[in-house]
């Protein structure tokens, strides 16, 4: 099990942005990368495909836009779970 400090350390990874040949780096915490990969897999997409989707509508910097996407995704999941429980 990784320590709390390691999970929150920024990790820089390359992603595809604005097209197949445009690569850029994104810095996110390890735990955020993990959540992003899980969401992409659940949707049957790659991290690159999901990044491109987020890029189409983002108004924030890319890292912030990904974090907001993850939060909104999990919030929608919670609302759905609450609705299903009723």
PDB file of N, CA and C in Angstrom:
ATOM      1  N   UNK A   1       0.842  -1.184   0.000  1.00  0.00           N
ATOM      2  CA  UNK A   1       0.000   0.000   0.000  1.00  0.00           C
ATOM      3  C   UNK A   1       0.887   1.248   0.000  1.00  0.00           C
ATOM      4  N   UNK A   2       0.583   2.181  -0.879  1.00  0.00           N
ATOM      5  CA  UNK A   2       1.380   3.404  -0.965  1.00  0.00           C
ATOM      6  C   UNK A   2       1.014   4.346   0.169  1.00  0.00           C
ATOM      7  N   UNK A   3       1.994   5.104   0.586  1.00  0.00           N
ATOM      8  CA  UNK A   3       1.740   6.053   1.658  1.00  0.00           C
ATOM      9  C   UNK A   3       0.851   7.184   1.165  1.00  0.00           C
ATOM     10  N   UNK A   4       0.233   7.846   2.097  1.00  0.00           N
ATOM     11  CA  UNK A   4      -0.636   8.984   1.793  1.00  0.00           C
ATOM     12  C   UNK A   4       0.125  10.033   0.984  1.00  0.00           C
ATOM     13  N   UNK A   5       1.363  10.283   1.363  1.00  0.00           N
ATOM     14  CA  UNK A   5       2.188  11.284   0.686  1.00  0.00           C
ATOM     15  C   UNK A   5       2.453  10.883  -0.769  1.00  0.00           C
ATOM     16  N   UNK A   6       2.709   9.613  -1.034  1.00  0.00           N
ATOM     17  CA  UNK A   6       2.971   9.156  -2.400  1.00  0.00           C
ATOM     18  C   UNK A   6       1.729   9.267  -3.273  1.00  0.00           C
ATOM     19  N   UNK A   7       0.568   8.968  -2.729  1.00  0.00           N
ATOM     20  CA  UNK A   7      -0.686   9.025  -3.494  1.00  0.00           C
ATOM     21  C   UNK A   7      -1.003  10.438  -3.964  1.00  0.00           C
ATOM     22  N   UNK A   8      -0.529  11.433  -3.226  1.00  0.00           N
ATOM     23  CA  UNK A   8      -0.853  12.817  -3.546  1.00  0.00           C
ATOM     24  C   UNK A   8       0.280  13.553  -4.246  1.00  0.00           C
ATOM     25  N   UNK A   9       1.345  12.835  -4.565  1.00  0.00           N
ATOM     26  CA  UNK A   9       2.455  13.414  -5.298  1.00  0.00           C
ATOM     27  C   UNK A   9       2.060  13.591  -6.767  1.00  0.00           C
ATOM     28  N   UNK A  10       2.444  14.725  -7.346  1.00  0.00           N
ATOM     29  CA  UNK A  10       2.127  14.979  -8.752  1.00  0.00           C
ATOM     30  C   UNK A  10       2.942  14.071  -9.658  1.00  0.00           C
ATOM     31  N   UNK A  11       2.263  13.526 -10.655  1.00  0.00           N
ATOM     32  CA  UNK A  11       2.896  12.672 -11.644  1.00  0.00           C
ATOM     33  C   UNK A  11       2.584  13.271 -13.008  1.00  0.00           C
ATOM     34  N   UNK A  12       3.615  13.436 -13.816  1.00  0.00           N
ATOM     35  CA  UNK A  12       3.450  14.017 -15.150  1.00  0.00           C
ATOM     36  C   UNK A  12       3.398  12.878 -16.166  1.00  0.00           C
ATOM     37  N   UNK A  13       2.353  12.897 -17.013  1.00  0.00           N
ATOM     38  CA  UNK A  13       2.205  11.891 -18.066  1.00  0.00           C
ATOM     39  C   UNK A  13       1.884  12.601 -19.373  1.00  0.00           C
ATOM     40  N   UNK A  14       2.261  11.967 -20.466  1.00  0.00           N
ATOM     41  CA  UNK A  14       1.931  12.492 -21.787  1.00  0.00           C
ATOM     42  C   UNK A  14       0.550  12.021 -22.204  1.00  0.00           C
ATOM     43  N   UNK A  15      -0.210  12.924 -22.801  1.00  0.00           N
ATOM     44  CA  UNK A  15      -1.524  12.594 -23.345  1.00  0.00           C
ATOM     45  C   UNK A  15      -1.638  13.211 -24.733  1.00  0.00           C
ATOM     46  N   UNK A  16      -2.560  12.671 -25.512  1.00  0.00           N
ATOM     47  CA  UNK A  16      -2.846  13.223 -26.832  1.00  0.00           C
ATOM     48  C   UNK A  16      -3.835  14.362 -26.643  1.00  0.00           C
ATOM     49  N   UNK A  17      -3.586  15.461 -27.320  1.00  0.00           N
ATOM     50  CA  UNK A  17      -4.470  16.623 -27.202  1.00  0.00           C
ATOM     51  C   UNK A  17      -4.640  17.270 -28.568  1.00  0.00           C
ATOM     52  N   UNK A  18      -5.836  17.726 -28.849  1.00  0.00           N
ATOM     53  CA  UNK A  18      -6.139  18.451 -30.078  1.00  0.00           C
ATOM     54  C   UNK A  18      -5.763  17.698 -31.347  1.00  0.00           C
ATOM     55  N   UNK A  19      -5.817  16.412 -31.315  1.00  0.00           N
ATOM     56  CA  UNK A  19      -5.507  15.648 -32.509  1.00  0.00           C
ATOM     57  C   UNK A  19      -4.547  14.519 -32.218  1.00  0.00           C
ATOM     58  N   UNK A  20      -4.412  13.628 -33.153  1.00  0.00           N
ATOM     59  CA  UNK A  20      -3.636  12.413 -32.938  1.00  0.00           C
ATOM     60  C   UNK A  20      -2.151  12.669 -32.738  1.00  0.00           C
ATOM     61  N   UNK A  21      -1.615  13.698 -33.368  1.00  0.00           N
ATOM     62  CA  UNK A  21      -0.173  13.900 -33.294  1.00  0.00           C
ATOM     63  C   UNK A  21       0.251  14.927 -32.244  1.00  0.00           C
ATOM     64  N   UNK A  22      -0.696  15.638 -31.668  1.00  0.00           N
ATOM     65  CA  UNK A  22      -0.364  16.662 -30.670  1.00  0.00           C
ATOM     66  C   UNK A  22      -0.322  16.024 -29.287  1.00  0.00           C
ATOM     67  N   UNK A  23       0.882  15.911 -28.735  1.00  0.00           N
ATOM     68  CA  UNK A  23       1.035  15.360 -27.395  1.00  0.00           C
ATOM     69  C   UNK A  23       1.417  16.489 -26.442  1.00  0.00           C
ATOM     70  N   UNK A  24       0.941  16.355 -25.230  1.00  0.00           N
ATOM     71  CA  UNK A  24       1.282  17.323 -24.197  1.00  0.00           C
ATOM     72  C   UNK A  24       1.367  16.578 -22.877  1.00  0.00           C
ATOM     73  N   UNK A  25       1.941  17.194 -21.895  1.00  0.00           N
ATOM     74  CA  UNK A  25       2.020  16.535 -20.591  1.00  0.00           C
ATOM     75  C   UNK A  25       0.996  17.140 -19.640  1.00  0.00           C
ATOM     76  N   UNK A  26       0.522  16.292 -18.756  1.00  0.00           N
ATOM     77  CA  UNK A  26      -0.451  16.692 -17.745  1.00  0.00           C
ATOM     78  C   UNK A  26       0.071  16.210 -16.402  1.00  0.00           C
ATOM     79  N   UNK A  27       0.025  17.075 -15.419  1.00  0.00           N
ATOM     80  CA  UNK A  27       0.442  16.711 -14.063  1.00  0.00           C
ATOM     81  C   UNK A  27      -0.787  16.549 -13.183  1.00  0.00           C
ATOM     82  N   UNK A  28      -0.949  15.356 -12.655  1.00  0.00           N
ATOM     83  CA  UNK A  28      -2.043  15.037 -11.741  1.00  0.00           C
ATOM     84  C   UNK A  28      -1.498  14.169 -10.615  1.00  0.00           C
ATOM     85  N   UNK A  29      -2.172  14.153  -9.508  1.00  0.00           N
ATOM     86  CA  UNK A  29      -1.803  13.287  -8.405  1.00  0.00           C
ATOM     87  C   UNK A  29      -2.027  11.828  -8.814  1.00  0.00           C
ATOM     88  N   UNK A  30      -1.243  10.927  -8.207  1.00  0.00           N
ATOM     89  CA  UNK A  30      -1.370   9.505  -8.534  1.00  0.00           C
ATOM     90  C   UNK A  30      -2.806   9.019  -8.386  1.00  0.00           C
ATOM     91  N   UNK A  31      -3.443   9.396  -7.306  1.00  0.00           N
ATOM     92  CA  UNK A  31      -4.807   8.955  -7.051  1.00  0.00           C
ATOM     93  C   UNK A  31      -5.771   9.501  -8.111  1.00  0.00           C
ATOM     94  N   UNK A  32      -5.502  10.692  -8.632  1.00  0.00           N
ATOM     95  CA  UNK A  32      -6.338  11.281  -9.679  1.00  0.00           C
ATOM     96  C   UNK A  32      -6.119  10.531 -10.995  1.00  0.00           C
ATOM     97  N   UNK A  33      -4.855  10.192 -11.332  1.00  0.00           N
ATOM     98  CA  UNK A  33      -4.591   9.387 -12.531  1.00  0.00           C
ATOM     99  C   UNK A  33      -5.328   8.053 -12.437  1.00  0.00           C
ATOM    100  N   UNK A  34      -5.291   7.442 -11.279  1.00  0.00           N
ATOM    101  CA  UNK A  34      -5.964   6.155 -11.094  1.00  0.00           C
ATOM    102  C   UNK A  34      -7.463   6.292 -11.346  1.00  0.00           C
ATOM    103  N   UNK A  35      -8.076   7.309 -10.768  1.00  0.00           N
ATOM    104  CA  UNK A  35      -9.512   7.526 -10.978  1.00  0.00           C
ATOM    105  C   UNK A  35      -9.807   7.799 -12.454  1.00  0.00           C
ATOM    106  N   UNK A  36      -8.961   8.579 -13.106  1.00  0.00           N
ATOM    107  CA  UNK A  36      -9.154   8.914 -14.513  1.00  0.00           C
ATOM    108  C   UNK A  36      -9.074   7.657 -15.385  1.00  0.00           C
ATOM    109  N   UNK A  37      -8.094   6.793 -15.110  1.00  0.00           N
ATOM    110  CA  UNK A  37      -7.978   5.529 -15.863  1.00  0.00           C
ATOM    111  C   UNK A  37      -9.193   4.642 -15.628  1.00  0.00           C
ATOM    112  N   UNK A  38      -9.672   4.591 -14.387  1.00  0.00           N
ATOM    113  CA  UNK A  38     -10.843   3.762 -14.067  1.00  0.00           C
ATOM    114  C   UNK A  38     -12.087   4.259 -14.796  1.00  0.00           C
ATOM    115  N   UNK A  39     -12.286   5.566 -14.819  1.00  0.00           N
ATOM    116  CA  UNK A  39     -13.449   6.142 -15.511  1.00  0.00           C
ATOM    117  C   UNK A  39     -13.359   5.856 -17.004  1.00  0.00           C
ATOM    118  N   UNK A  40     -12.182   6.067 -17.589  1.00  0.00           N
ATOM    119  CA  UNK A  40     -12.006   5.796 -19.019  1.00  0.00           C
ATOM    120  C   UNK A  40     -12.318   4.337 -19.323  1.00  0.00           C
ATOM    121  N   UNK A  41     -11.790   3.429 -18.527  1.00  0.00           N
ATOM    122  CA  UNK A  41     -12.031   1.997 -18.744  1.00  0.00           C
ATOM    123  C   UNK A  41     -13.509   1.659 -18.611  1.00  0.00           C
ATOM    124  N   UNK A  42     -14.161   2.238 -17.615  1.00  0.00           N
ATOM    125  CA  UNK A  42     -15.588   1.972 -17.414  1.00  0.00           C
ATOM    126  C   UNK A  42     -16.402   2.431 -18.622  1.00  0.00           C
ATOM    127  N   UNK A  43     -15.939   3.472 -19.281  1.00  0.00           N
ATOM    128  CA  UNK A  43     -16.632   3.993 -20.457  1.00  0.00           C
ATOM    129  C   UNK A  43     -16.151   3.340 -21.748  1.00  0.00           C
ATOM    130  N   UNK A  44     -15.203   2.409 -21.649  1.00  0.00           N
ATOM    131  CA  UNK A  44     -14.679   1.736 -22.827  1.00  0.00           C
ATOM    132  C   UNK A  44     -13.810   2.640 -23.688  1.00  0.00           C
ATOM    133  N   UNK A  45     -13.119   3.577 -23.045  1.00  0.00           N
ATOM    134  CA  UNK A  45     -12.278   4.538 -23.746  1.00  0.00           C
ATOM    135  C   UNK A  45     -10.863   4.482 -23.196  1.00  0.00           C
ATOM    136  N   UNK A  46      -9.952   5.074 -23.934  1.00  0.00           N
ATOM    137  CA  UNK A  46      -8.599   5.253 -23.420  1.00  0.00           C
ATOM    138  C   UNK A  46      -8.536   6.596 -22.709  1.00  0.00           C
ATOM    139  N   UNK A  47      -7.483   6.784 -21.936  1.00  0.00           N
ATOM    140  CA  UNK A  47      -7.258   8.076 -21.281  1.00  0.00           C
ATOM    141  C   UNK A  47      -7.129   9.167 -22.344  1.00  0.00           C
ATOM    142  N   UNK A  48      -6.489   8.842 -23.464  1.00  0.00           N
ATOM    143  CA  UNK A  48      -6.312   9.821 -24.541  1.00  0.00           C
ATOM    144  C   UNK A  48      -7.662  10.228 -25.140  1.00  0.00           C
ATOM    145  N   UNK A  49      -8.534   9.261 -25.370  1.00  0.00           N
ATOM    146  CA  UNK A  49      -9.861   9.578 -25.913  1.00  0.00           C
ATOM    147  C   UNK A  49     -10.654  10.453 -24.955  1.00  0.00           C
ATOM    148  N   UNK A  50     -10.600  10.132 -23.684  1.00  0.00           N
ATOM    149  CA  UNK A  50     -11.334  10.915 -22.694  1.00  0.00           C
ATOM    150  C   UNK A  50     -10.748  12.318 -22.567  1.00  0.00           C
ATOM    151  N   UNK A  51      -9.439  12.429 -22.655  1.00  0.00           N
ATOM    152  CA  UNK A  51      -8.788  13.741 -22.626  1.00  0.00           C
ATOM    153  C   UNK A  51      -9.254  14.595 -23.802  1.00  0.00           C
ATOM    154  N   UNK A  52      -9.327  14.001 -24.985  1.00  0.00           N
ATOM    155  CA  UNK A  52      -9.798  14.737 -26.162  1.00  0.00           C
ATOM    156  C   UNK A  52     -11.237  15.227 -25.970  1.00  0.00           C
ATOM    157  N   UNK A  53     -12.094  14.390 -25.386  1.00  0.00           N
ATOM    158  CA  UNK A  53     -13.482  14.802 -25.114  1.00  0.00           C
ATOM    159  C   UNK A  53     -13.525  15.980 -24.150  1.00  0.00           C
ATOM    160  N   UNK A  54     -12.740  15.911 -23.092  1.00  0.00           N
ATOM    161  CA  UNK A  54     -12.699  16.995 -22.113  1.00  0.00           C
ATOM    162  C   UNK A  54     -12.164  18.264 -22.759  1.00  0.00           C
ATOM    163  N   UNK A  55     -11.158  18.125 -23.612  1.00  0.00           N
ATOM    164  CA  UNK A  55     -10.561  19.284 -24.293  1.00  0.00           C
ATOM    165  C   UNK A  55     -11.569  20.047 -25.148  1.00  0.00           C
ATOM    166  N   UNK A  56     -12.521  19.349 -25.720  1.00  0.00           N
ATOM    167  CA  UNK A  56     -13.483  19.998 -26.614  1.00  0.00           C
ATOM    168  C   UNK A  56     -14.327  21.059 -25.919  1.00  0.00           C
ATOM    169  N   UNK A  57     -14.553  20.889 -24.626  1.00  0.00           N
ATOM    170  CA  UNK A  57     -15.458  21.806 -23.925  1.00  0.00           C
ATOM    171  C   UNK A  57     -14.811  22.529 -22.747  1.00  0.00           C
ATOM    172  N   UNK A  58     -13.544  22.288 -22.521  1.00  0.00           N
ATOM    173  CA  UNK A  58     -12.932  22.852 -21.308  1.00  0.00           C
ATOM    174  C   UNK A  58     -12.732  24.356 -21.409  1.00  0.00           C
ATOM    175  N   UNK A  59     -12.869  25.002 -20.253  1.00  0.00           N
ATOM    176  CA  UNK A  59     -12.581  26.429 -20.133  1.00  0.00           C
ATOM    177  C   UNK A  59     -11.463  26.656 -19.112  1.00  0.00           C
ATOM    178  N   UNK A  60     -11.035  25.593 -18.457  1.00  0.00           N
ATOM    179  CA  UNK A  60      -9.965  25.627 -17.465  1.00  0.00           C
ATOM    180  C   UNK A  60      -8.700  25.054 -18.079  1.00  0.00           C
ATOM    181  N   UNK A  61      -7.579  25.147 -17.353  1.00  0.00           N
ATOM    182  CA  UNK A  61      -6.397  24.446 -17.854  1.00  0.00           C
ATOM    183  C   UNK A  61      -6.693  22.952 -17.828  1.00  0.00           C
ATOM    184  N   UNK A  62      -5.944  22.201 -18.597  1.00  0.00           N
ATOM    185  CA  UNK A  62      -6.246  20.784 -18.812  1.00  0.00           C
ATOM    186  C   UNK A  62      -6.270  19.983 -17.509  1.00  0.00           C
ATOM    187  N   UNK A  63      -5.296  20.157 -16.648  1.00  0.00           N
ATOM    188  CA  UNK A  63      -5.264  19.408 -15.391  1.00  0.00           C
ATOM    189  C   UNK A  63      -6.491  19.704 -14.540  1.00  0.00           C
ATOM    190  N   UNK A  64      -6.836  20.959 -14.428  1.00  0.00           N
ATOM    191  CA  UNK A  64      -8.022  21.340 -13.652  1.00  0.00           C
ATOM    192  C   UNK A  64      -9.286  20.785 -14.294  1.00  0.00           C
ATOM    193  N   UNK A  65      -9.364  20.823 -15.612  1.00  0.00           N
ATOM    194  CA  UNK A  65     -10.541  20.307 -16.310  1.00  0.00           C
ATOM    195  C   UNK A  65     -10.713  18.809 -16.069  1.00  0.00           C
ATOM    196  N   UNK A  66      -9.613  18.074 -16.036  1.00  0.00           N
ATOM    197  CA  UNK A  66      -9.686  16.637 -15.759  1.00  0.00           C
ATOM    198  C   UNK A  66     -10.146  16.398 -14.330  1.00  0.00           C
ATOM    199  N   UNK A  67      -9.615  17.149 -13.382  1.00  0.00           N
ATOM    200  CA  UNK A  67     -10.040  16.999 -11.982  1.00  0.00           C
ATOM    201  C   UNK A  67     -11.537  17.291 -11.833  1.00  0.00           C
ATOM    202  N   UNK A  68     -12.005  18.363 -12.461  1.00  0.00           N
ATOM    203  CA  UNK A  68     -13.431  18.717 -12.394  1.00  0.00           C
ATOM    204  C   UNK A  68     -14.275  17.614 -13.029  1.00  0.00           C
ATOM    205  N   UNK A  69     -13.833  17.083 -14.162  1.00  0.00           N
ATOM    206  CA  UNK A  69     -14.558  15.999 -14.826  1.00  0.00           C
ATOM    207  C   UNK A  69     -14.712  14.805 -13.883  1.00  0.00           C
ATOM    208  N   UNK A  70     -13.619  14.440 -13.209  1.00  0.00           N
ATOM    209  CA  UNK A  70     -13.654  13.300 -12.293  1.00  0.00           C
ATOM    210  C   UNK A  70     -14.633  13.555 -11.151  1.00  0.00           C
ATOM    211  N   UNK A  71     -14.579  14.743 -10.576  1.00  0.00           N
ATOM    212  CA  UNK A  71     -15.505  15.077  -9.490  1.00  0.00           C
ATOM    213  C   UNK A  71     -16.944  15.019  -9.970  1.00  0.00           C
ATOM    214  N   UNK A  72     -17.222  15.609 -11.118  1.00  0.00           N
ATOM    215  CA  UNK A  72     -18.593  15.595 -11.648  1.00  0.00           C
ATOM    216  C   UNK A  72     -19.048  14.170 -11.964  1.00  0.00           C
ATOM    217  N   UNK A  73     -18.143  13.353 -12.462  1.00  0.00           N
ATOM    218  CA  UNK A  73     -18.470  11.962 -12.768  1.00  0.00           C
ATOM    219  C   UNK A  73     -18.903  11.223 -11.499  1.00  0.00           C
ATOM    220  N   UNK A  74     -18.082  11.323 -10.454  1.00  0.00           N
ATOM    221  CA  UNK A  74     -18.400  10.620  -9.221  1.00  0.00           C
ATOM    222  C   UNK A  74     -19.609  11.219  -8.512  1.00  0.00           C
ATOM    223  N   UNK A  75     -19.819  12.517  -8.617  1.00  0.00           N
ATOM    224  CA  UNK A  75     -21.025  13.121  -8.034  1.00  0.00           C
ATOM    225  C   UNK A  75     -22.268  12.586  -8.727  1.00  0.00           C
ATOM    226  N   UNK A  76     -22.216  12.463 -10.053  1.00  0.00           N
ATOM    227  CA  UNK A  76     -23.355  11.905 -10.800  1.00  0.00           C
ATOM    228  C   UNK A  76     -23.598  10.454 -10.389  1.00  0.00           C
ATOM    229  N   UNK A  77     -22.524   9.707 -10.159  1.00  0.00           N
ATOM    230  CA  UNK A  77     -22.655   8.322  -9.697  1.00  0.00           C
ATOM    231  C   UNK A  77     -23.353   8.267  -8.336  1.00  0.00           C
ATOM    232  N   UNK A  78     -23.001   9.186  -7.439  1.00  0.00           N
ATOM    233  CA  UNK A  78     -23.632   9.222  -6.118  1.00  0.00           C
ATOM    234  C   UNK A  78     -25.108   9.547  -6.206  1.00  0.00           C
ATOM    235  N   UNK A  79     -25.435  10.524  -7.051  1.00  0.00           N
ATOM    236  CA  UNK A  79     -26.841  10.888  -7.226  1.00  0.00           C
ATOM    237  C   UNK A  79     -27.620   9.710  -7.794  1.00  0.00           C
ATOM    238  N   UNK A  80     -27.033   9.022  -8.758  1.00  0.00           N
ATOM    239  CA  UNK A  80     -27.674   7.844  -9.330  1.00  0.00           C
ATOM    240  C   UNK A  80     -27.872   6.738  -8.313  1.00  0.00           C
ATOM    241  N   UNK A  81     -26.874   6.532  -7.462  1.00  0.00           N
ATOM    242  CA  UNK A  81     -26.966   5.505  -6.429  1.00  0.00           C
ATOM    243  C   UNK A  81     -28.048   5.849  -5.419  1.00  0.00           C
ATOM    244  N   UNK A  82     -28.159   7.119  -5.066  1.00  0.00           N
ATOM    245  CA  UNK A  82     -29.204   7.552  -4.130  1.00  0.00           C
ATOM    246  C   UNK A  82     -30.586   7.366  -4.763  1.00  0.00           C
ATOM    247  N   UNK A  83     -30.689   7.711  -6.037  1.00  0.00           N
ATOM    248  CA  UNK A  83     -31.957   7.589  -6.745  1.00  0.00           C
ATOM    249  C   UNK A  83     -32.375   6.118  -6.836  1.00  0.00           C
ATOM    250  N   UNK A  84     -31.414   5.228  -7.099  1.00  0.00           N
ATOM    251  CA  UNK A  84     -31.705   3.808  -7.206  1.00  0.00           C
ATOM    252  C   UNK A  84     -32.137   3.214  -5.863  1.00  0.00           C
ATOM    253  N   UNK A  85     -31.634   3.798  -4.769  1.00  0.00           N
ATOM    254  CA  UNK A  85     -31.975   3.290  -3.436  1.00  0.00           C
ATOM    255  C   UNK A  85     -33.391   3.646  -3.025  1.00  0.00           C
ATOM    256  N   UNK A  86     -33.966   4.659  -3.665  1.00  0.00           N
ATOM    257  CA  UNK A  86     -35.322   5.081  -3.286  1.00  0.00           C
ATOM    258  C   UNK A  86     -36.359   4.218  -3.872  1.00  0.00           C
TER     259      UNK A  86
END
